[in-house]
Amino acid sequence: MVWLDASFATSPKELLQAFVLKTFNHSFSVRYSYTHAIRSYDNTYTHATQVIRANSLYYS
């Protein structure tokens, strides 16, 4: 849901511009958060795999 501040826009054109801008910013932040979460998971998985490999080499 995108909320608009009525005092921000004075004309229908400004209202539309504000709506488009807020919608774009919201979708961009959601996309960035999703990408960041996937990248973070990949890094954690890679690190865990490296630790397991190092331990198995050390204890073998």
C-alpha atoms as a PDB file:
ATOM      1  CA  MET A   1       0.000   0.000   0.000  1.00  0.00           C
ATOM      2  CA  VAL A   2       1.364   3.411  -0.952  1.00  0.00           C
ATOM      3  CA  TRP A   3       0.250   6.370   1.131  1.00  0.00           C
ATOM      4  CA  LEU A   4       0.297   9.901  -0.226  1.00  0.00           C
ATOM      5  CA  ASP A   5       0.435  13.116   1.721  1.00  0.00           C
ATOM      6  CA  ALA A   6      -2.349  15.335   0.371  1.00  0.00           C
ATOM      7  CA  SER A   7      -0.507  18.509   1.393  1.00  0.00           C
ATOM      8  CA  PHE A   8       2.496  17.485  -0.725  1.00  0.00           C
ATOM      9  CA  ALA A   9       0.759  17.637  -4.105  1.00  0.00           C
ATOM     10  CA  THR A  10      -1.360  20.537  -5.286  1.00  0.00           C
ATOM     11  CA  SER A  11      -2.337  19.317  -8.762  1.00  0.00           C
ATOM     12  CA  PRO A  12      -3.355  15.953 -10.240  1.00  0.00           C
ATOM     13  CA  LYS A  13      -0.062  15.878 -12.172  1.00  0.00           C
ATOM     14  CA  GLU A  14       1.979  16.340  -8.972  1.00  0.00           C
ATOM     15  CA  LEU A  15      -0.160  13.731  -7.231  1.00  0.00           C
ATOM     16  CA  LEU A  16       0.566  11.242 -10.028  1.00  0.00           C
ATOM     17  CA  GLN A  17       4.294  12.034  -9.932  1.00  0.00           C
ATOM     18  CA  ALA A  18       4.350  11.523  -6.153  1.00  0.00           C
ATOM     19  CA  PHE A  19       2.511   8.216  -6.510  1.00  0.00           C
ATOM     20  CA  VAL A  20       4.903   6.931  -9.207  1.00  0.00           C
ATOM     21  CA  LEU A  21       7.954   8.037  -7.219  1.00  0.00           C
ATOM     22  CA  LYS A  22       6.767   6.433  -3.976  1.00  0.00           C
ATOM     23  CA  THR A  23       5.785   3.219  -5.779  1.00  0.00           C
ATOM     24  CA  PHE A  24       9.174   3.031  -7.513  1.00  0.00           C
ATOM     25  CA  ASN A  25      11.076   3.680  -4.268  1.00  0.00           C
ATOM     26  CA  HIS A  26       9.049   1.016  -2.448  1.00  0.00           C
ATOM     27  CA  SER A  27       9.564  -1.652  -5.125  1.00  0.00           C
ATOM     28  CA  PHE A  28      13.275  -0.812  -5.340  1.00  0.00           C
ATOM     29  CA  SER A  29      13.755  -1.179  -1.574  1.00  0.00           C
ATOM     30  CA  VAL A  30      11.877  -4.500  -1.539  1.00  0.00           C
ATOM     31  CA  ARG A  31      13.981  -5.781  -4.445  1.00  0.00           C
ATOM     32  CA  TYR A  32      17.200  -4.612  -2.739  1.00  0.00           C
ATOM     33  CA  SER A  33      16.226  -6.290   0.544  1.00  0.00           C
ATOM     34  CA  TYR A  34      15.454  -9.562  -1.247  1.00  0.00           C
ATOM     35  CA  THR A  35      18.751  -9.484  -3.163  1.00  0.00           C
ATOM     36  CA  HIS A  36      20.674  -8.635   0.008  1.00  0.00           C
ATOM     37  CA  ALA A  37      19.034 -11.524   1.890  1.00  0.00           C
ATOM     38  CA  ILE A  38      19.917 -14.004  -0.877  1.00  0.00           C
ATOM     39  CA  ARG A  39      23.505 -12.735  -1.030  1.00  0.00           C
ATOM     40  CA  SER A  40      23.818 -12.914   2.748  1.00  0.00           C
ATOM     41  CA  TYR A  41      22.524 -16.502   2.726  1.00  0.00           C
ATOM     42  CA  ASP A  42      24.999 -17.437  -0.025  1.00  0.00           C
ATOM     43  CA  ASN A  43      27.901 -15.926   1.934  1.00  0.00           C
ATOM     44  CA  THR A  44      26.879 -17.751   5.124  1.00  0.00           C
ATOM     45  CA  TYR A  45      26.527 -21.055   3.266  1.00  0.00           C
ATOM     46  CA  THR A  46      29.922 -20.603   1.569  1.00  0.00           C
ATOM     47  CA  HIS A  47      31.600 -19.742   4.870  1.00  0.00           C
ATOM     48  CA  ALA A  48      30.035 -22.755   6.624  1.00  0.00           C
ATOM     49  CA  THR A  49      31.194 -25.038   3.801  1.00  0.00           C
ATOM     50  CA  GLN A  50      34.742 -23.672   4.073  1.00  0.00           C
ATOM     51  CA  VAL A  51      34.774 -24.197   7.859  1.00  0.00           C
ATOM     52  CA  ILE A  52      33.529 -27.787   7.475  1.00  0.00           C
ATOM     53  CA  ARG A  53      36.197 -28.489   4.827  1.00  0.00           C
ATOM     54  CA  ALA A  54      38.940 -26.955   6.986  1.00  0.00           C
ATOM     55  CA  ASN A  55      37.844 -28.996  10.011  1.00  0.00           C
ATOM     56  CA  SER A  56      37.659 -32.223   8.022  1.00  0.00           C
ATOM     57  CA  LEU A  57      41.183 -31.641   6.675  1.00  0.00           C
ATOM     58  CA  TYR A  58      42.478 -30.787  10.152  1.00  0.00           C
ATOM     59  CA  TYR A  59      40.948 -33.826  11.851  1.00  0.00           C
ATOM     60  CA  SER A  60      41.724 -36.351   9.107  1.00  0.00           C
END
